[in-house]
Amino acid sequence: MAYLEFDHVSFGFGNGHDKYPVLADANLAVEENEFVAIIGYSGSGKSTVMSLLAGLLHPDRGTVRLHGDQIGPPGPDRGIVFQNYSLLPWLTVHGNIELAVRQVFPQYSTEQREDWIQHYVDLVSLTGSEQKKPNELSGGMRQRLSLARTLSMQPEVLLLDEPLSALDAITRATLQDEITRLWSQDKRTVVMNTNDVDEALLMADRIVPLTPGPAATFGPSFPVPLPRPRNRATLNFDPEFKRLRNEVTQYMLSLHESHEDEQSTGVSLPDVQPISLDKAPSIQVHVA
């Protein structure tokens, strides 16, 4: 039995006949401490998958399970890092993390709590920014704070909902390395959404494509046997990396082309002919 799984999950938004089918009969199995990247086009339902894993949504049919038990409401066993940071703007770096720590570890003494908070501030390289508020931080620093807050809860499963897509290339590369380093130090089961094939190959143990919606489902898995640690500077020269990138890219392109064919419809255009300027009546302008 898989550690984390989707078992024939279907989900849609709306009611009755107007319901929009987001997922249809989706199956996914993730092993303990595995790093899985779900890759798909925008609008395919990746965020819905994360919300179902987190317990923020409930499937219409099928079951979502964690170590064999049906997933219940959101809890500290599943920590999620959102694309838009979701920080409390009136709290400092320290305060945002402290709020999570107080909820999950109410038994900690003041000294224990402070040490715990500082550990995660240091872990994501925000030392010295403890008293800054989110509006005083760069985008990359906010995302690191969001990550630190989630990690401080010690979740069994870390859910990353395209956390790097809004960042500039340099910050994105830095955080890719940061997340991979943290995962290698303190192994957790990680499920990450991305639409970047190179990012998935750099970070994940396995890539699972999500077909285009509506009624999306999971495609065949692509294991990533590249040795760790992975260096982006040398990966581009690795034949296995090139093969995997080409294989995944071609599969995603085939999904897109198939989806375009299914969605295309013939449209009859009116028979409108342009006016010939040679035969157009002349216009005379008289200036008084």
Foldseek 3Di string as FASTA:
>chain_A
DAQKKWAQFWAFDDDDPPTFTLAGGAIDGFHWLFAEEEAEDPQNCLVVVVCCQQQVDDTPDTFIDGRRHGDHHGDLQEFEQEQVLPFDQVAFLLRRLLVLCCVQPVVDDPVRSVVLSVVLCVLLPVPPRRRHGPVVDDLLVSSSSSVSSSVSSVHQEYEYEQNQPPDDPVSSVVVLVSVQVVCVVPRHHYYYYDNDLVSCLQRGQKYWYWFHDDNIYIDDIDGRPDDPPDDPVCLVVDPSSVVSSVVVVVVNVVSVVVVCVVPDDDDDDDPDDDDDPVPDDDDDDDDD
